[in-house]
Amino acid sequence: MKIYLCGEKGCCPYIEIRDNEVIIGEEGNMCRLTKEEFDILREKIKRGEI
């Protein structure tokens, strides 16, 4: 699954969820997280810690 954060393909950051990893960013500026790392990040955002 690939979600574009601004609604337009190719011009903005996106989140791509794969089987074993989650990719966040845009071309030239990417962050790769394991599913476990992404779940921790998501929970911290929900709790307002980030």
C-alpha atoms as a PDB file:
ATOM      1  CA  MET A   1       0.000   0.000   0.000  1.00  0.00           C
ATOM      2  CA  LYS A   2       1.339   3.454  -0.877  1.00  0.00           C
ATOM      3  CA  ILE A   3      -0.192   6.630   0.582  1.00  0.00           C
ATOM      4  CA  TYR A   4       0.784  10.054  -0.756  1.00  0.00           C
ATOM      5  CA  LEU A   5       0.673  12.664   1.995  1.00  0.00           C
ATOM      6  CA  CYS A   6      -0.427  15.518  -0.258  1.00  0.00           C
ATOM      7  CA  GLY A   7      -2.671  13.513  -2.566  1.00  0.00           C
ATOM      8  CA  GLU A   8      -0.468  13.889  -5.661  1.00  0.00           C
ATOM      9  CA  LYS A   9       1.852  11.226  -7.057  1.00  0.00           C
ATOM     10  CA  GLY A  10       5.521  12.049  -7.470  1.00  0.00           C
ATOM     11  CA  CYS A  11       5.625  15.529  -5.952  1.00  0.00           C
ATOM     12  CA  CYS A  12       5.358  14.880  -2.246  1.00  0.00           C
ATOM     13  CA  PRO A  13       6.344  12.491   0.547  1.00  0.00           C
ATOM     14  CA  TYR A  14       4.609   9.161   0.844  1.00  0.00           C
ATOM     15  CA  ILE A  15       4.308   6.175   3.151  1.00  0.00           C
ATOM     16  CA  GLU A  16       4.695   2.773   1.534  1.00  0.00           C
ATOM     17  CA  ILE A  17       3.760  -0.279   3.594  1.00  0.00           C
ATOM     18  CA  ARG A  18       5.389  -3.498   2.424  1.00  0.00           C
ATOM     19  CA  ASP A  19       5.427  -7.003   3.884  1.00  0.00           C
ATOM     20  CA  ASN A  20       8.471  -6.489   6.115  1.00  0.00           C
ATOM     21  CA  GLU A  21       9.138  -2.744   6.072  1.00  0.00           C
ATOM     22  CA  VAL A  22       7.627   0.715   5.895  1.00  0.00           C
ATOM     23  CA  ILE A  23       9.200   3.414   3.729  1.00  0.00           C
ATOM     24  CA  ILE A  24       8.550   7.061   4.556  1.00  0.00           C
ATOM     25  CA  GLY A  25       9.742  10.044   2.527  1.00  0.00           C
ATOM     26  CA  GLU A  26      10.326  11.100  -1.025  1.00  0.00           C
ATOM     27  CA  GLU A  27      12.939  10.466  -3.688  1.00  0.00           C
ATOM     28  CA  GLY A  28      16.374  11.252  -2.257  1.00  0.00           C
ATOM     29  CA  ASN A  29      15.096  11.531   1.320  1.00  0.00           C
ATOM     30  CA  MET A  30      13.870   8.138   2.525  1.00  0.00           C
ATOM     31  CA  CYS A  31      13.533   6.420   5.887  1.00  0.00           C
ATOM     32  CA  ARG A  32      13.108   2.639   6.115  1.00  0.00           C
ATOM     33  CA  LEU A  33      11.557   1.171   9.249  1.00  0.00           C
ATOM     34  CA  THR A  34      10.664  -2.351  10.250  1.00  0.00           C
ATOM     35  CA  LYS A  35       6.958  -2.923  10.904  1.00  0.00           C
ATOM     36  CA  GLU A  36       7.764  -3.011  14.632  1.00  0.00           C
ATOM     37  CA  GLU A  37       9.607   0.334  14.481  1.00  0.00           C
ATOM     38  CA  PHE A  38       6.724   1.868  12.524  1.00  0.00           C
ATOM     39  CA  ASP A  39       4.194   0.631  15.094  1.00  0.00           C
ATOM     40  CA  ILE A  40       6.224   2.288  17.884  1.00  0.00           C
ATOM     41  CA  LEU A  41       6.414   5.542  15.901  1.00  0.00           C
ATOM     42  CA  ARG A  42       2.668   5.460  15.192  1.00  0.00           C
ATOM     43  CA  GLU A  43       1.809   4.918  18.871  1.00  0.00           C
ATOM     44  CA  LYS A  44       4.109   7.762  19.977  1.00  0.00           C
ATOM     45  CA  ILE A  45       2.387  10.087  17.482  1.00  0.00           C
ATOM     46  CA  LYS A  46      -1.073   9.018  18.711  1.00  0.00           C
ATOM     47  CA  ARG A  47      -0.089   9.650  22.346  1.00  0.00           C
ATOM     48  CA  GLY A  48       1.285  13.097  21.478  1.00  0.00           C
ATOM     49  CA  GLU A  49       4.875  12.211  22.389  1.00  0.00           C
ATOM     50  CA  ILE A  50       6.074  13.288  18.944  1.00  0.00           C
END
